[in-house]
Amino acid sequence: MAKRTAVKNAAKPTDGINPRQPCPCGSGKRYKACHGSEGGPGDVMVSRPFEGLAAECELIALREFVPSATVKLPLAKGDREITLATVLPMAAAGLVRGDGTAFVGLQVQIRSGDISRDLARAIRWAEDAETGEALSVVGPDNGENPGRLQDVLDVDAELSPELHDDFAWWMPPDNQPTGEVALSLERANSAILPTARVDAPGVKAAYWVDAGDKAHLRWVRPEAEEKLLNAMARLHVRGELDLGEGSRYAGSFRAHGLVVPVWDLDREMHATEWAGPAEALGKRLLDALASVEDEPITDAERRAREGLRGRQITLR
């Protein structure tokens, strides 16, 4: 009698996704071991948590280096208006101010590997929170799972944050802080570096900051790292990877899956004076990005690319 061989049933696609393919959340795991597993994903690190959102670059800037800013969240549904803030009192994850204004904080401690999921949890909390309530830390133990930011926001909406010189907006108008809030406000105000958004056609998520001895431009780029470095190397070889007189390319850092190039600037020049040079550089960069698709980089550009890569650091 022939020996029977057990045949495992092939894994069935879920929601049109092959279970053996990488999970769309960006965790690096197969779908069947992440969001396609029974009970959903465990605590996995998501390297690019804001991918798929039109506001991805702006969210990274607000998370990593913009000190005091607020912006109304473009919620996909819901009646309550919720404001995203860089930092809240006591570094809270969520807060409902005395006048009923609901906030969620972006520069916060998280307890999972996916800040997009944690922010969605904070938004869910803020939808029902009462005046005066605060959410100190958000994580997997904060109630039901509402999904990720990509599930609760309008994914096509851009963000135009309002920058503030201090954190006075923590309090309702005409209210004076007291106790721990007053101390937290004083400490937060003392740590602010003058920062301005560089607004120009084709320029998004670019911020000027006065660091004291010099000024910088930090520009979150949406392109894949390798393609961006190839284009930047092409500009570097041509001597076009700067913003003109009084500037020099300083290096870059990685944050949440994207690259943030940084330029040193003449701090005697106002932030608005860099809008034109940033627009011109943006156009050169777009041209270079298009050209590296058709023309492979040269040996000189390859060496320049490795030099640029050597001046990178990774924040998150």
Protein backbone atom coordinates (compact mmCIF):
# COMPACT_ATOMS: atom_id res chain seq x y z
CA MET A 1 0.00 0.00 0.00
CA ALA A 2 1.43 3.32 -1.01
CA LYS A 3 2.39 5.64 1.78
CA ARG A 4 0.22 8.69 1.95
CA THR A 5 1.90 12.05 1.98
CA ALA A 6 0.21 14.85 3.83
CA VAL A 7 -0.30 17.86 1.64
CA LYS A 8 -0.56 21.21 3.36
CA ASN A 9 -3.22 23.53 2.13
CA ALA A 10 -1.79 26.50 0.30
CA ALA A 11 -2.12 29.73 2.19
CA LYS A 12 -5.08 31.67 0.90
CA PRO A 13 -4.69 35.32 -0.04
CA THR A 14 -6.34 37.71 2.40
CA ASP A 15 -7.79 41.01 1.19
CA GLY A 16 -6.13 40.37 -2.18
CA ILE A 17 -2.64 40.17 -0.65
CA ASN A 18 -0.43 37.12 -1.14
CA PRO A 19 0.36 35.87 2.38
CA ARG A 20 3.98 35.24 1.36
CA GLN A 21 4.55 38.80 0.15
CA PRO A 22 5.99 41.55 2.38
CA CYS A 23 3.35 43.13 4.59
CA PRO A 24 2.18 46.52 3.24
CA CYS A 25 2.70 48.08 6.69
CA GLY A 26 6.45 48.20 6.06
CA SER A 27 7.46 45.94 8.95
CA GLY A 28 9.64 43.76 6.71
CA LYS A 29 7.73 40.62 7.71
CA ARG A 30 5.61 38.49 5.42
CA TYR A 31 1.95 39.42 5.40
CA LYS A 32 0.94 36.05 6.91
CA ALA A 33 3.25 36.69 9.88
CA CYS A 34 2.14 40.28 10.40
CA HIS A 35 -1.22 41.89 9.56
CA GLY A 36 -2.42 38.68 7.89
CA SER A 37 -1.88 36.55 10.97
CA GLU A 38 -4.69 35.50 13.27
CA GLY A 39 -5.19 38.26 15.79
CA GLY A 40 -3.28 40.81 13.74
CA PRO A 41 0.36 41.87 14.00
CA GLY A 42 2.49 41.68 17.09
CA ASP A 43 4.80 44.51 18.12
CA VAL A 44 6.88 44.91 14.97
CA MET A 45 9.17 47.77 14.04
CA VAL A 46 7.85 49.72 11.07
CA SER A 47 10.72 51.51 9.36
CA ARG A 48 8.56 53.89 7.32
CA PRO A 49 5.43 54.44 9.44
CA PHE A 50 3.92 57.36 7.49
CA GLU A 51 4.26 55.83 4.03
CA GLY A 52 1.16 56.27 1.89
CA LEU A 53 0.22 59.63 3.39
CA ALA A 54 0.58 62.78 1.28
CA ALA A 55 1.72 64.48 4.50
CA GLU A 56 4.50 61.93 5.16
CA CYS A 57 7.41 64.37 4.83
CA GLU A 58 5.69 67.05 6.92
CA LEU A 59 4.90 64.54 9.68
CA ILE A 60 8.55 63.51 9.84
CA ALA A 61 9.65 67.14 10.12
CA LEU A 62 7.14 67.80 12.91
CA ARG A 63 8.19 64.63 14.70
CA GLU A 64 11.93 65.16 14.48
CA PHE A 65 12.98 68.80 14.49
CA VAL A 66 10.20 71.41 14.41
CA PRO A 67 9.94 72.72 18.00
CA SER A 68 6.50 74.34 18.35
CA ALA A 69 3.80 73.86 15.75
CA THR A 70 0.15 72.86 15.45
CA VAL A 71 -2.06 71.75 12.58
CA LYS A 72 -5.66 70.57 12.29
CA LEU A 73 -5.76 66.88 11.40
CA PRO A 74 -7.59 65.96 8.18
CA LEU A 75 -9.66 63.15 9.70
CA ALA A 76 -11.39 60.77 7.32
CA LYS A 77 -14.45 60.79 9.59
CA GLY A 78 -15.56 61.98 13.00
CA ASP A 79 -17.26 65.07 14.37
CA ARG A 80 -14.61 66.36 16.76
CA GLU A 81 -11.83 68.61 15.48
CA ILE A 82 -8.43 67.35 16.63
CA THR A 83 -5.18 69.29 16.45
CA LEU A 84 -1.80 67.65 15.97
CA ALA A 85 0.90 69.30 18.09
CA THR A 86 4.64 68.82 18.15
CA VAL A 87 4.91 68.85 21.96
CA LEU A 88 2.24 68.94 24.68
CA PRO A 89 2.61 69.76 28.41
CA MET A 90 4.56 67.06 30.26
CA ALA A 91 5.18 65.45 26.84
CA ALA A 92 1.63 64.06 26.93
CA ALA A 93 0.36 61.90 24.07
CA GLY A 94 -3.05 63.56 24.19
CA LEU A 95 -4.77 66.47 25.90
CA VAL A 96 -8.12 68.24 25.96
CA ARG A 97 -7.53 71.88 26.86
CA GLY A 98 -9.76 73.77 29.27
CA ASP A 99 -11.73 75.28 26.39
CA GLY A 100 -12.45 71.83 24.93
CA THR A 101 -9.79 71.90 22.19
CA ALA A 102 -8.45 68.38 21.64
CA PHE A 103 -4.76 67.76 20.88
CA VAL A 104 -2.55 64.77 20.16
CA GLY A 105 1.22 65.03 20.54
CA LEU A 106 3.76 63.89 17.97
CA GLN A 107 7.08 64.17 19.82
CA VAL A 108 6.17 61.57 22.42
CA GLN A 109 7.40 58.37 23.98
CA ILE A 110 5.87 55.33 22.32
CA ARG A 111 5.48 51.76 23.51
CA SER A 112 5.27 49.98 20.18
CA GLY A 113 7.29 49.75 17.00
CA ASP A 114 4.75 51.66 14.92
CA ILE A 115 4.19 55.33 15.74
CA SER A 116 1.50 55.49 13.06
CA ARG A 117 -0.57 52.97 15.00
CA ASP A 118 0.11 54.73 18.32
CA LEU A 119 -0.98 58.10 16.89
CA ALA A 120 -4.19 56.51 15.64
CA ARG A 121 -4.80 55.25 19.19
CA ALA A 122 -4.20 58.75 20.57
CA ILE A 123 -6.67 60.20 18.05
CA ARG A 124 -9.24 57.59 19.06
CA TRP A 125 -8.73 58.58 22.71
CA ALA A 126 -9.07 62.31 21.91
CA GLU A 127 -12.37 61.75 20.11
CA ASP A 128 -14.09 60.81 23.39
CA ALA A 129 -11.91 62.49 26.05
CA GLU A 130 -13.43 65.03 28.43
CA THR A 131 -12.24 68.59 29.02
CA GLY A 132 -9.13 68.63 31.19
CA GLU A 133 -8.21 65.00 30.56
CA ALA A 134 -4.70 64.02 29.47
CA LEU A 135 -3.18 60.85 28.02
CA SER A 136 0.34 60.47 29.37
CA VAL A 137 1.60 57.61 27.17
CA VAL A 138 0.01 55.75 24.29
CA GLY A 139 0.63 52.14 23.36
CA PRO A 140 -0.92 48.74 22.67
CA ASP A 141 -2.76 48.75 26.01
CA ASN A 142 -4.76 51.89 25.18
CA GLY A 143 -8.12 50.33 24.38
CA GLU A 144 -9.31 49.08 21.01
CA ASN A 145 -7.15 49.02 17.91
CA PRO A 146 -8.35 51.74 15.49
CA GLY A 147 -5.80 50.86 12.81
CA ARG A 148 -3.08 53.27 11.72
CA LEU A 149 -2.92 56.93 10.69
CA GLN A 150 -3.46 55.73 7.14
CA ASP A 151 -6.85 54.41 8.29
CA VAL A 152 -8.06 57.48 10.20
CA LEU A 153 -6.72 60.38 8.09
CA ASP A 154 -7.50 61.57 4.58
CA VAL A 155 -4.42 60.03 2.94
CA ASP A 156 -4.40 62.61 0.12
CA ALA A 157 -4.46 65.66 2.39
CA GLU A 158 -1.37 67.84 2.77
CA LEU A 159 -0.47 69.55 6.05
CA SER A 160 0.36 73.25 6.45
CA PRO A 161 1.46 73.61 10.07
CA GLU A 162 1.32 76.86 11.99
CA LEU A 163 4.66 77.54 13.68
CA HIS A 164 4.78 79.28 17.05
CA ASP A 165 7.53 81.25 18.79
CA ASP A 166 6.68 79.60 22.11
CA PHE A 167 4.24 77.16 23.71
CA ALA A 168 1.70 79.71 24.95
CA TRP A 169 -0.93 77.85 22.90
CA TRP A 170 -0.80 75.09 25.53
CA MET A 171 -3.26 77.23 27.50
CA PRO A 172 -6.62 78.66 26.40
CA PRO A 173 -6.53 82.40 25.64
CA ASP A 174 -6.29 84.58 28.77
CA ASN A 175 -5.42 81.59 31.00
CA GLN A 176 -2.23 81.63 33.03
CA PRO A 177 -0.36 78.35 33.66
CA THR A 178 0.41 77.26 37.21
CA GLY A 179 2.29 74.48 38.98
CA GLU A 180 3.89 71.73 36.91
CA VAL A 181 2.38 73.06 33.69
CA ALA A 182 4.04 76.44 34.26
CA LEU A 183 7.41 74.77 34.90
CA SER A 184 7.03 72.54 31.85
CA LEU A 185 6.10 75.58 29.75
CA GLU A 186 9.15 77.50 30.94
CA ARG A 187 11.49 74.60 30.18
CA ALA A 188 9.95 74.05 26.76
CA ASN A 189 10.17 77.73 25.79
CA SER A 190 13.84 77.90 26.79
CA ALA A 191 14.68 74.99 24.46
CA ILE A 192 13.12 76.47 21.31
CA LEU A 193 15.45 77.28 18.42
CA PRO A 194 14.12 79.93 16.01
CA THR A 195 12.53 77.96 13.18
CA ALA A 196 10.69 78.91 9.99
CA ARG A 197 9.09 76.98 7.17
CA VAL A 198 10.68 77.70 3.79
CA ASP A 199 7.76 78.27 1.43
CA ALA A 200 8.36 78.23 -2.31
CA PRO A 201 6.87 76.46 -5.35
CA GLY A 202 7.95 72.83 -5.33
CA VAL A 203 9.42 73.09 -1.82
CA LYS A 204 7.70 71.04 0.90
CA ALA A 205 8.78 70.00 4.40
CA ALA A 206 11.83 72.30 4.31
CA TYR A 207 12.70 74.20 7.49
CA TRP A 208 15.22 76.91 8.33
CA VAL A 209 16.58 76.85 11.89
CA ASP A 210 18.93 79.21 13.70
CA ALA A 211 21.15 76.97 15.82
CA GLY A 212 23.16 79.84 17.33
CA ASP A 213 26.57 79.71 15.67
CA LYS A 214 25.06 78.93 12.27
CA ALA A 215 21.75 78.37 10.54
CA HIS A 216 20.60 75.23 8.73
CA LEU A 217 18.08 74.12 6.15
CA ARG A 218 16.61 70.67 6.80
CA TRP A 219 14.58 69.27 3.93
CA VAL A 220 12.67 65.98 4.20
CA ARG A 221 12.73 64.31 0.79
CA PRO A 222 10.09 61.79 -0.37
CA GLU A 223 12.30 59.82 -2.77
CA ALA A 224 13.80 56.38 -2.18
CA GLU A 225 17.26 56.75 -0.64
CA GLU A 226 19.33 55.19 -3.44
CA LYS A 227 17.68 57.21 -6.18
CA LEU A 228 17.97 60.42 -4.17
CA LEU A 229 21.66 59.86 -3.43
CA ASN A 230 22.35 59.19 -7.11
CA ALA A 231 20.70 62.48 -8.06
CA MET A 232 22.47 64.40 -5.31
CA ALA A 233 25.81 62.88 -6.36
CA ARG A 234 25.19 64.09 -9.92
CA LEU A 235 24.59 67.62 -8.63
CA HIS A 236 27.61 67.40 -6.33
CA VAL A 237 29.94 66.54 -9.22
CA ARG A 238 28.55 69.51 -11.14
CA GLY A 239 29.05 71.81 -8.15
CA GLU A 240 25.29 72.39 -7.92
CA LEU A 241 24.44 70.78 -4.57
CA ASP A 242 24.19 74.02 -2.64
CA LEU A 243 21.86 76.96 -2.20
CA GLY A 244 24.23 79.55 -3.57
CA GLU A 245 26.55 81.95 -1.79
CA GLY A 246 26.62 81.56 1.98
CA SER A 247 25.61 77.90 1.93
CA ARG A 248 27.19 74.47 1.81
CA TYR A 249 25.89 70.92 1.89
CA ALA A 250 26.56 69.55 5.40
CA GLY A 251 25.23 65.98 5.29
CA SER A 252 21.98 64.15 5.90
CA PHE A 253 20.15 61.95 8.35
CA ARG A 254 17.58 59.20 8.00
CA ALA A 255 14.30 59.46 9.86
CA HIS A 256 11.31 57.12 9.60
CA GLY A 257 12.50 55.66 6.32
CA LEU A 258 13.29 58.88 4.46
CA VAL A 259 16.43 60.98 3.97
CA VAL A 260 16.71 64.53 5.31
CA PRO A 261 19.52 66.50 3.62
CA VAL A 262 20.96 69.39 5.64
CA TRP A 263 22.68 72.57 4.46
CA ASP A 264 24.69 75.04 6.54
CA LEU A 265 23.57 78.61 5.90
CA ASP A 266 24.74 82.13 6.56
CA ARG A 267 22.76 83.00 9.70
CA GLU A 268 22.81 86.69 8.81
CA MET A 269 20.31 85.95 6.05
CA HIS A 270 16.63 85.68 6.96
CA ALA A 271 14.71 82.47 6.35
CA THR A 272 12.64 84.10 3.59
CA GLU A 273 15.82 84.87 1.63
CA TRP A 274 16.39 81.15 1.12
CA ALA A 275 13.04 80.50 -0.57
CA GLY A 276 14.30 81.37 -4.06
CA PRO A 277 17.53 79.35 -3.76
CA ALA A 278 15.56 76.39 -2.36
CA GLU A 279 13.14 76.53 -5.28
CA ALA A 280 16.05 76.59 -7.75
CA LEU A 281 17.77 73.67 -6.01
CA GLY A 282 14.50 71.75 -6.00
CA LYS A 283 14.23 72.13 -9.77
CA ARG A 284 17.84 71.00 -10.28
CA LEU A 285 17.22 68.02 -8.05
CA LEU A 286 14.08 67.01 -9.94
CA ASP A 287 16.00 67.22 -13.23
CA ALA A 288 18.79 65.09 -11.76
CA LEU A 289 16.27 62.55 -10.44
CA ALA A 290 14.83 62.23 -13.93
CA SER A 291 18.26 61.98 -15.57
CA VAL A 292 19.53 59.13 -13.37
CA GLU A 293 16.60 57.06 -14.61
CA ASP A 294 17.96 57.23 -18.17
CA GLU A 295 21.68 57.80 -17.68
CA PRO A 296 23.59 55.57 -15.23
CA ILE A 297 25.80 57.47 -12.83
CA THR A 298 29.45 57.83 -13.80
CA ASP A 299 32.46 56.64 -11.81
CA ALA A 300 32.96 60.16 -10.47
CA GLU A 301 29.31 60.35 -9.44
CA ARG A 302 29.55 56.92 -7.82
CA ARG A 303 32.48 58.09 -5.70
CA ALA A 304 30.55 61.24 -4.83
CA ARG A 305 27.55 59.13 -3.81
CA GLU A 306 29.66 57.07 -1.42
CA GLY A 307 31.02 60.29 0.04
CA LEU A 308 27.47 61.54 0.60
CA ARG A 309 26.49 58.22 2.14
CA GLY A 310 29.43 58.47 4.53
CA ARG A 311 28.00 61.74 5.88
CA GLN A 312 24.69 60.17 6.92
CA ILE A 313 23.37 59.28 10.33
CA THR A 314 20.17 57.47 11.29
CA LEU A 315 17.86 58.98 13.91
CA ARG A 316 15.00 56.45 13.83
